[in-house]
Amino acid sequence: ARAYPFLFRSRGFAAQTEMILRGARLVPPVQVVEVGGTVQYGRKAGPSKMRLLRTAWEYFSLGWRVRLGG
């Protein structure tokens, strides 16, 4: 996002999806790889920070922005 700040608008959970979708359109295309990791939920300090409606809206609006080329 720092190299191309004009391309990324999403914050939160939709940001990773936006980076993948928009990175594929760059010239030259950006290679995307998945790096696995281990999550130990038993060590989590508190409840989830994800808000369902906000996250759903982020993905919905991202879909429209990408579809419309914005």
PDB file of N, CA and C in Angstrom:
ATOM      1  N   ALA A   1       0.826  -1.193   0.000  1.00  0.00           N
ATOM      2  CA  ALA A   1       0.000   0.000   0.000  1.00  0.00           C
ATOM      3  C   ALA A   1       0.873   1.261   0.000  1.00  0.00           C
ATOM      4  N   ARG A   2       2.061   1.191   0.572  1.00  0.00           N
ATOM      5  CA  ARG A   2       2.922   2.378   0.591  1.00  0.00           C
ATOM      6  C   ARG A   2       3.462   2.707  -0.798  1.00  0.00           C
ATOM      7  N   ALA A   3       3.764   1.685  -1.596  1.00  0.00           N
ATOM      8  CA  ALA A   3       4.308   1.934  -2.927  1.00  0.00           C
ATOM      9  C   ALA A   3       3.254   2.481  -3.881  1.00  0.00           C
ATOM     10  N   TYR A   4       2.006   2.095  -3.700  1.00  0.00           N
ATOM     11  CA  TYR A   4       0.912   2.525  -4.558  1.00  0.00           C
ATOM     12  C   TYR A   4      -0.266   3.008  -3.709  1.00  0.00           C
ATOM     13  N   PRO A   5      -0.106   4.071  -2.942  1.00  0.00           N
ATOM     14  CA  PRO A   5      -1.181   4.488  -2.026  1.00  0.00           C
ATOM     15  C   PRO A   5      -2.461   4.894  -2.746  1.00  0.00           C
ATOM     16  N   PHE A   6      -2.363   5.286  -4.001  1.00  0.00           N
ATOM     17  CA  PHE A   6      -3.542   5.690  -4.758  1.00  0.00           C
ATOM     18  C   PHE A   6      -4.406   4.504  -5.170  1.00  0.00           C
ATOM     19  N   LEU A   7      -3.894   3.283  -5.055  1.00  0.00           N
ATOM     20  CA  LEU A   7      -4.642   2.105  -5.471  1.00  0.00           C
ATOM     21  C   LEU A   7      -5.489   1.498  -4.364  1.00  0.00           C
ATOM     22  N   PHE A   8      -5.125   1.723  -3.111  1.00  0.00           N
ATOM     23  CA  PHE A   8      -5.759   1.005  -2.023  1.00  0.00           C
ATOM     24  C   PHE A   8      -6.590   1.936  -1.158  1.00  0.00           C
ATOM     25  N   ARG A   9      -7.857   1.606  -1.005  1.00  0.00           N
ATOM     26  CA  ARG A   9      -8.753   2.424  -0.197  1.00  0.00           C
ATOM     27  C   ARG A   9      -9.289   1.675   1.011  1.00  0.00           C
ATOM     28  N   SER A  10      -9.327   0.364   0.933  1.00  0.00           N
ATOM     29  CA  SER A  10      -9.929  -0.434   1.997  1.00  0.00           C
ATOM     30  C   SER A  10      -9.090  -0.406   3.251  1.00  0.00           C
ATOM     31  N   ARG A  11      -9.777  -0.490   4.343  1.00  0.00           N
ATOM     32  CA  ARG A  11      -9.144  -0.654   5.647  1.00  0.00           C
ATOM     33  C   ARG A  11      -9.778  -1.882   6.285  1.00  0.00           C
ATOM     34  N   GLY A  12      -9.142  -2.417   7.261  1.00  0.00           N
ATOM     35  CA  GLY A  12      -9.729  -3.560   7.938  1.00  0.00           C
ATOM     36  C   GLY A  12      -9.554  -4.845   7.147  1.00  0.00           C
ATOM     37  N   PHE A  13     -10.547  -5.725   7.266  1.00  0.00           N
ATOM     38  CA  PHE A  13     -10.446  -7.071   6.722  1.00  0.00           C
ATOM     39  C   PHE A  13     -10.443  -7.106   5.197  1.00  0.00           C
ATOM     40  N   ALA A  14     -11.047  -6.144   4.524  1.00  0.00           N
ATOM     41  CA  ALA A  14     -11.123  -6.141   3.059  1.00  0.00           C
ATOM     42  C   ALA A  14      -9.820  -5.683   2.408  1.00  0.00           C
ATOM     43  N   ALA A  15      -8.901  -5.130   3.170  1.00  0.00           N
ATOM     44  CA  ALA A  15      -7.669  -4.586   2.596  1.00  0.00           C
ATOM     45  C   ALA A  15      -6.837  -5.654   1.890  1.00  0.00           C
ATOM     46  N   GLN A  16      -6.724  -6.827   2.467  1.00  0.00           N
ATOM     47  CA  GLN A  16      -5.926  -7.881   1.838  1.00  0.00           C
ATOM     48  C   GLN A  16      -6.536  -8.304   0.511  1.00  0.00           C
ATOM     49  N   THR A  17      -7.843  -8.422   0.474  1.00  0.00           N
ATOM     50  CA  THR A  17      -8.517  -8.798  -0.769  1.00  0.00           C
ATOM     51  C   THR A  17      -8.302  -7.736  -1.835  1.00  0.00           C
ATOM     52  N   GLU A  18      -8.382  -6.467  -1.448  1.00  0.00           N
ATOM     53  CA  GLU A  18      -8.175  -5.396  -2.411  1.00  0.00           C
ATOM     54  C   GLU A  18      -6.748  -5.423  -2.958  1.00  0.00           C
ATOM     55  N   MET A  19      -5.766  -5.665  -2.120  1.00  0.00           N
ATOM     56  CA  MET A  19      -4.380  -5.733  -2.588  1.00  0.00           C
ATOM     57  C   MET A  19      -4.195  -6.838  -3.621  1.00  0.00           C
ATOM     58  N   ILE A  20      -4.798  -7.984  -3.392  1.00  0.00           N
ATOM     59  CA  ILE A  20      -4.682  -9.097  -4.334  1.00  0.00           C
ATOM     60  C   ILE A  20      -5.351  -8.750  -5.656  1.00  0.00           C
ATOM     61  N   LEU A  21      -6.582  -8.222  -5.593  1.00  0.00           N
ATOM     62  CA  LEU A  21      -7.314  -7.905  -6.814  1.00  0.00           C
ATOM     63  C   LEU A  21      -6.634  -6.813  -7.632  1.00  0.00           C
ATOM     64  N   ARG A  22      -6.196  -5.767  -6.972  1.00  0.00           N
ATOM     65  CA  ARG A  22      -5.583  -4.656  -7.695  1.00  0.00           C
ATOM     66  C   ARG A  22      -4.140  -4.956  -8.101  1.00  0.00           C
ATOM     67  N   GLY A  23      -3.445  -5.751  -7.316  1.00  0.00           N
ATOM     68  CA  GLY A  23      -2.078  -6.120  -7.659  1.00  0.00           C
ATOM     69  C   GLY A  23      -1.992  -6.902  -8.960  1.00  0.00           C
ATOM     70  N   ALA A  24      -3.019  -7.680  -9.248  1.00  0.00           N
ATOM     71  CA  ALA A  24      -3.042  -8.461 -10.486  1.00  0.00           C
ATOM     72  C   ALA A  24      -3.155  -7.571 -11.712  1.00  0.00           C
ATOM     73  N   ARG A  25      -3.645  -6.340 -11.545  1.00  0.00           N
ATOM     74  CA  ARG A  25      -3.824  -5.430 -12.683  1.00  0.00           C
ATOM     75  C   ARG A  25      -2.617  -4.530 -12.932  1.00  0.00           C
ATOM     76  N   LEU A  26      -1.645  -4.546 -12.043  1.00  0.00           N
ATOM     77  CA  LEU A  26      -0.469  -3.696 -12.228  1.00  0.00           C
ATOM     78  C   LEU A  26       0.378  -4.197 -13.392  1.00  0.00           C
ATOM     79  N   VAL A  27       1.113  -3.296 -13.999  1.00  0.00           N
ATOM     80  CA  VAL A  27       2.016  -3.655 -15.095  1.00  0.00           C
ATOM     81  C   VAL A  27       3.423  -3.313 -14.660  1.00  0.00           C
ATOM     82  N   PRO A  28       4.325  -4.268 -14.531  1.00  0.00           N
ATOM     83  CA  PRO A  28       4.088  -5.697 -14.651  1.00  0.00           C
ATOM     84  C   PRO A  28       3.245  -6.209 -13.492  1.00  0.00           C
ATOM     85  N   PRO A  29       2.528  -7.334 -13.700  1.00  0.00           N
ATOM     86  CA  PRO A  29       1.681  -7.873 -12.637  1.00  0.00           C
ATOM     87  C   PRO A  29       2.499  -8.239 -11.399  1.00  0.00           C
ATOM     88  N   VAL A  30       1.897  -8.104 -10.265  1.00  0.00           N
ATOM     89  CA  VAL A  30       2.542  -8.448  -9.007  1.00  0.00           C
ATOM     90  C   VAL A  30       2.273  -9.924  -8.718  1.00  0.00           C
ATOM     91  N   GLN A  31       3.308 -10.634  -8.354  1.00  0.00           N
ATOM     92  CA  GLN A  31       3.130 -12.033  -7.986  1.00  0.00           C
ATOM     93  C   GLN A  31       2.626 -12.091  -6.553  1.00  0.00           C
ATOM     94  N   VAL A  32       1.561 -12.839  -6.333  1.00  0.00           N
ATOM     95  CA  VAL A  32       0.972 -12.968  -5.005  1.00  0.00           C
ATOM     96  C   VAL A  32       1.223 -14.383  -4.506  1.00  0.00           C
ATOM     97  N   VAL A  33       1.742 -14.488  -3.302  1.00  0.00           N
ATOM     98  CA  VAL A  33       1.966 -15.796  -2.702  1.00  0.00           C
ATOM     99  C   VAL A  33       1.299 -15.831  -1.332  1.00  0.00           C
ATOM    100  N   GLU A  34       0.955 -17.005  -0.906  1.00  0.00           N
ATOM    101  CA  GLU A  34       0.346 -17.188   0.407  1.00  0.00           C
ATOM    102  C   GLU A  34       1.402 -17.737   1.354  1.00  0.00           C
ATOM    103  N   VAL A  35       1.488 -17.137   2.516  1.00  0.00           N
ATOM    104  CA  VAL A  35       2.425 -17.584   3.534  1.00  0.00           C
ATOM    105  C   VAL A  35       1.600 -18.071   4.715  1.00  0.00           C
ATOM    106  N   GLY A  36       1.747 -19.320   5.041  1.00  0.00           N
ATOM    107  CA  GLY A  36       0.970 -19.912   6.127  1.00  0.00           C
ATOM    108  C   GLY A  36       1.451 -19.444   7.490  1.00  0.00           C
ATOM    109  N   GLY A  37       0.590 -19.528   8.434  1.00  0.00           N
ATOM    110  CA  GLY A  37       0.926 -19.160   9.800  1.00  0.00           C
ATOM    111  C   GLY A  37       0.045 -19.927  10.768  1.00  0.00           C
ATOM    112  N   THR A  38       0.457 -19.999  11.992  1.00  0.00           N
ATOM    113  CA  THR A  38      -0.307 -20.685  13.017  1.00  0.00           C
ATOM    114  C   THR A  38      -0.961 -19.658  13.928  1.00  0.00           C
ATOM    115  N   VAL A  39      -2.245 -19.808  14.126  1.00  0.00           N
ATOM    116  CA  VAL A  39      -2.977 -18.917  15.021  1.00  0.00           C
ATOM    117  C   VAL A  39      -3.415 -19.729  16.228  1.00  0.00           C
ATOM    118  N   GLN A  40      -3.074 -19.242  17.388  1.00  0.00           N
ATOM    119  CA  GLN A  40      -3.469 -19.923  18.622  1.00  0.00           C
ATOM    120  C   GLN A  40      -4.520 -19.061  19.321  1.00  0.00           C
ATOM    121  N   TYR A  41      -5.779 -19.376  19.057  1.00  0.00           N
ATOM    122  CA  TYR A  41      -6.866 -18.561  19.574  1.00  0.00           C
ATOM    123  C   TYR A  41      -6.971 -18.602  21.095  1.00  0.00           C
ATOM    124  N   GLY A  42      -6.430 -19.636  21.709  1.00  0.00           N
ATOM    125  CA  GLY A  42      -6.456 -19.717  23.161  1.00  0.00           C
ATOM    126  C   GLY A  42      -5.605 -18.639  23.833  1.00  0.00           C
ATOM    127  N   ARG A  43      -4.678 -18.050  23.097  1.00  0.00           N
ATOM    128  CA  ARG A  43      -3.799 -17.006  23.641  1.00  0.00           C
ATOM    129  C   ARG A  43      -4.341 -15.602  23.390  1.00  0.00           C
ATOM    130  N   LYS A  44      -5.472 -15.523  22.724  1.00  0.00           N
ATOM    131  CA  LYS A  44      -6.051 -14.232  22.392  1.00  0.00           C
ATOM    132  C   LYS A  44      -6.429 -13.472  23.647  1.00  0.00           C
ATOM    133  N   ALA A  45      -6.160 -12.161  23.650  1.00  0.00           N
ATOM    134  CA  ALA A  45      -6.383 -11.355  24.841  1.00  0.00           C
ATOM    135  C   ALA A  45      -7.842 -10.950  25.046  1.00  0.00           C
ATOM    136  N   GLY A  46      -8.625 -10.910  23.993  1.00  0.00           N
ATOM    137  CA  GLY A  46      -9.993 -10.433  24.146  1.00  0.00           C
ATOM    138  C   GLY A  46     -10.884 -10.914  23.022  1.00  0.00           C
ATOM    139  N   PRO A  47     -12.089 -10.406  22.959  1.00  0.00           N
ATOM    140  CA  PRO A  47     -13.021 -10.825  21.914  1.00  0.00           C
ATOM    141  C   PRO A  47     -12.596 -10.290  20.542  1.00  0.00           C
ATOM    142  N   SER A  48     -13.195 -10.847  19.518  1.00  0.00           N
ATOM    143  CA  SER A  48     -12.893 -10.427  18.151  1.00  0.00           C
ATOM    144  C   SER A  48     -13.210  -8.954  17.951  1.00  0.00           C
ATOM    145  N   LYS A  49     -12.392  -8.300  17.153  1.00  0.00           N
ATOM    146  CA  LYS A  49     -12.605  -6.885  16.839  1.00  0.00           C
ATOM    147  C   LYS A  49     -13.455  -6.719  15.570  1.00  0.00           C
ATOM    148  N   MET A  50     -13.729  -7.829  14.879  1.00  0.00           N
ATOM    149  CA  MET A  50     -14.485  -7.755  13.639  1.00  0.00           C
ATOM    150  C   MET A  50     -15.950  -7.431  13.921  1.00  0.00           C
ATOM    151  N   ARG A  51     -16.451  -6.459  13.183  1.00  0.00           N
ATOM    152  CA  ARG A  51     -17.867  -6.093  13.260  1.00  0.00           C
ATOM    153  C   ARG A  51     -18.514  -6.588  11.977  1.00  0.00           C
ATOM    154  N   LEU A  52     -19.484  -7.481  12.112  1.00  0.00           N
ATOM    155  CA  LEU A  52     -20.048  -8.194  10.978  1.00  0.00           C
ATOM    156  C   LEU A  52     -20.600  -7.261   9.899  1.00  0.00           C
ATOM    157  N   LEU A  53     -21.462  -6.326  10.261  1.00  0.00           N
ATOM    158  CA  LEU A  53     -22.065  -5.450   9.254  1.00  0.00           C
ATOM    159  C   LEU A  53     -21.036  -4.540   8.596  1.00  0.00           C
ATOM    160  N   ARG A  54     -20.125  -4.009   9.366  1.00  0.00           N
ATOM    161  CA  ARG A  54     -19.076  -3.156   8.809  1.00  0.00           C
ATOM    162  C   ARG A  54     -18.203  -3.937   7.831  1.00  0.00           C
ATOM    163  N   THR A  55     -17.825  -5.154   8.211  1.00  0.00           N
ATOM    164  CA  THR A  55     -16.978  -5.981   7.352  1.00  0.00           C
ATOM    165  C   THR A  55     -17.714  -6.372   6.075  1.00  0.00           C
ATOM    166  N   ALA A  56     -18.988  -6.743   6.206  1.00  0.00           N
ATOM    167  CA  ALA A  56     -19.782  -7.083   5.022  1.00  0.00           C
ATOM    168  C   ALA A  56     -19.882  -5.880   4.089  1.00  0.00           C
ATOM    169  N   TRP A  57     -20.102  -4.693   4.646  1.00  0.00           N
ATOM    170  CA  TRP A  57     -20.172  -3.480   3.830  1.00  0.00           C
ATOM    171  C   TRP A  57     -18.836  -3.197   3.139  1.00  0.00           C
ATOM    172  N   GLU A  58     -17.720  -3.411   3.825  1.00  0.00           N
ATOM    173  CA  GLU A  58     -16.401  -3.216   3.226  1.00  0.00           C
ATOM    174  C   GLU A  58     -16.219  -4.099   1.991  1.00  0.00           C
ATOM    175  N   TYR A  59     -16.593  -5.370   2.104  1.00  0.00           N
ATOM    176  CA  TYR A  59     -16.454  -6.287   0.972  1.00  0.00           C
ATOM    177  C   TYR A  59     -17.413  -5.928  -0.154  1.00  0.00           C
ATOM    178  N   PHE A  60     -18.637  -5.564   0.179  1.00  0.00           N
ATOM    179  CA  PHE A  60     -19.614  -5.171  -0.830  1.00  0.00           C
ATOM    180  C   PHE A  60     -19.131  -3.944  -1.600  1.00  0.00           C
ATOM    181  N   SER A  61     -18.695  -2.917  -0.887  1.00  0.00           N
ATOM    182  CA  SER A  61     -18.250  -1.693  -1.554  1.00  0.00           C
ATOM    183  C   SER A  61     -16.951  -1.940  -2.333  1.00  0.00           C
ATOM    184  N   LEU A  62     -16.074  -2.794  -1.831  1.00  0.00           N
ATOM    185  CA  LEU A  62     -14.861  -3.149  -2.569  1.00  0.00           C
ATOM    186  C   LEU A  62     -15.229  -3.809  -3.884  1.00  0.00           C
ATOM    187  N   GLY A  63     -16.178  -4.714  -3.850  1.00  0.00           N
ATOM    188  CA  GLY A  63     -16.622  -5.388  -5.081  1.00  0.00           C
ATOM    189  C   GLY A  63     -17.106  -4.396  -6.125  1.00  0.00           C
ATOM    190  N   TRP A  64     -17.896  -3.421  -5.703  1.00  0.00           N
ATOM    191  CA  TRP A  64     -18.384  -2.410  -6.642  1.00  0.00           C
ATOM    192  C   TRP A  64     -17.260  -1.538  -7.158  1.00  0.00           C
ATOM    193  N   ARG A  65     -16.369  -1.124  -6.287  1.00  0.00           N
ATOM    194  CA  ARG A  65     -15.247  -0.262  -6.729  1.00  0.00           C
ATOM    195  C   ARG A  65     -14.381  -0.979  -7.753  1.00  0.00           C
ATOM    196  N   VAL A  66     -14.063  -2.242  -7.490  1.00  0.00           N
ATOM    197  CA  VAL A  66     -13.210  -3.001  -8.399  1.00  0.00           C
ATOM    198  C   VAL A  66     -13.957  -3.244  -9.713  1.00  0.00           C
ATOM    199  N   ARG A  67     -15.227  -3.590  -9.610  1.00  0.00           N
ATOM    200  CA  ARG A  67     -16.033  -3.851 -10.812  1.00  0.00           C
ATOM    201  C   ARG A  67     -16.147  -2.622 -11.697  1.00  0.00           C
ATOM    202  N   LEU A  68     -16.307  -1.446 -11.070  1.00  0.00           N
ATOM    203  CA  LEU A  68     -16.479  -0.211 -11.828  1.00  0.00           C
ATOM    204  C   LEU A  68     -15.146   0.438 -12.183  1.00  0.00           C
ATOM    205  N   GLY A  69     -14.047  -0.188 -11.771  1.00  0.00           N
ATOM    206  CA  GLY A  69     -12.726   0.332 -12.126  1.00  0.00           C
ATOM    207  C   GLY A  69     -12.253   1.480 -11.261  1.00  0.00           C
ATOM    208  N   GLY A  70     -12.888   1.693 -10.116  1.00  0.00           N
ATOM    209  CA  GLY A  70     -12.523   2.810  -9.244  1.00  0.00           C
ATOM    210  C   GLY A  70     -11.576   2.482  -8.156  1.00  0.00           C
TER     211      GLY A  70
END
